[in-house]
């Protein structure tokens, strides 16, 4: 797939839908954030995003982890 063509096609769909302008990359970021927030294993998220290492995923989406840390602390 051609990334530029994909982004252009996505932008056209968004424009025709009447929703607020949003980039394809923003949807990707939202998807990853929702997966991390739903406690999907970071390795799975990393593979879905095509990151070279799970460390990249954890570094990029660490803003989701504080809530996960609190949840872990509350477990018995």
Protein backbone atom coordinates (compact mmCIF):
# COMPACT_ATOMS: atom_id res chain seq x y z
CA UNK A 1 0.00 0.00 0.00
CA UNK A 2 1.17 3.48 -0.78
CA UNK A 3 1.15 5.51 2.47
CA UNK A 4 0.40 8.81 0.73
CA UNK A 5 -2.49 7.31 -1.23
CA UNK A 6 -3.86 5.70 1.93
CA UNK A 7 -3.74 8.99 3.83
CA UNK A 8 -5.37 10.84 0.94
CA UNK A 9 -8.17 8.27 0.65
CA UNK A 10 -8.73 8.40 4.40
CA UNK A 11 -8.86 12.22 4.36
CA UNK A 12 -11.46 12.09 1.59
CA UNK A 13 -13.61 9.65 3.57
CA UNK A 14 -13.38 11.84 6.68
CA UNK A 15 -14.29 14.91 4.65
CA UNK A 16 -17.32 13.22 3.10
CA UNK A 17 -18.50 11.91 6.48
CA UNK A 18 -18.84 15.38 7.94
CA UNK A 19 -16.90 14.52 11.09
CA UNK A 20 -14.13 16.67 12.48
CA UNK A 21 -10.88 16.47 10.50
CA UNK A 22 -8.67 13.74 11.91
CA UNK A 23 -5.52 12.19 10.50
CA UNK A 24 -5.00 8.51 9.83
CA UNK A 25 -2.05 8.62 12.23
CA UNK A 26 -4.29 9.99 14.99
CA UNK A 27 -6.58 6.97 14.55
CA UNK A 28 -3.56 4.68 14.83
CA UNK A 29 -2.49 6.43 18.04
CA UNK A 30 -6.01 6.20 19.48
CA UNK A 31 -6.18 2.50 18.64
CA UNK A 32 -2.91 1.81 20.45
CA UNK A 33 -3.92 3.91 23.46
CA UNK A 34 -7.26 2.12 23.77
CA UNK A 35 -5.58 -1.28 23.54
CA UNK A 36 -3.04 -0.37 26.23
CA UNK A 37 -5.83 1.04 28.42
CA UNK A 38 -7.77 -2.22 27.99
CA UNK A 39 -4.77 -4.14 29.35
CA UNK A 40 -3.93 -5.78 26.03
CA UNK A 41 -0.39 -7.12 26.37
CA UNK A 42 2.14 -4.53 25.12
CA UNK A 43 3.77 -7.14 22.86
CA UNK A 44 0.48 -7.61 21.02
CA UNK A 45 0.04 -3.85 20.65
CA UNK A 46 3.63 -3.55 19.43
CA UNK A 47 3.09 -6.23 16.79
CA UNK A 48 -0.16 -4.63 15.59
CA UNK A 49 1.64 -1.29 15.16
CA UNK A 50 4.65 -2.85 13.46
CA UNK A 51 7.12 -1.48 16.00
CA UNK A 52 10.60 -3.02 15.92
CA UNK A 53 10.56 -3.61 19.69
CA UNK A 54 8.01 -3.60 22.48
CA UNK A 55 10.18 -0.93 24.12
CA UNK A 56 9.21 1.56 21.42
CA UNK A 57 5.55 0.89 22.14
CA UNK A 58 6.00 1.21 25.89
CA UNK A 59 7.99 4.43 25.53
CA UNK A 60 5.42 5.94 23.17
CA UNK A 61 2.31 4.93 25.11
CA UNK A 62 3.63 5.19 28.68
CA UNK A 63 1.01 7.89 29.41
CA UNK A 64 -1.51 5.04 29.64
CA UNK A 65 0.52 3.16 32.23
CA UNK A 66 -0.11 5.26 35.41
CA UNK A 67 -3.69 3.99 35.60
CA UNK A 68 -2.39 0.48 35.07
CA UNK A 69 0.12 0.96 37.91
CA UNK A 70 -2.66 2.02 40.28
CA UNK A 71 -4.74 -1.00 39.26
CA UNK A 72 -1.79 -3.31 39.95
CA UNK A 73 -1.25 -1.73 43.38
CA UNK A 74 -4.89 -2.32 44.30
CA UNK A 75 -4.76 -6.04 43.49
CA UNK A 76 -4.27 -8.51 46.28
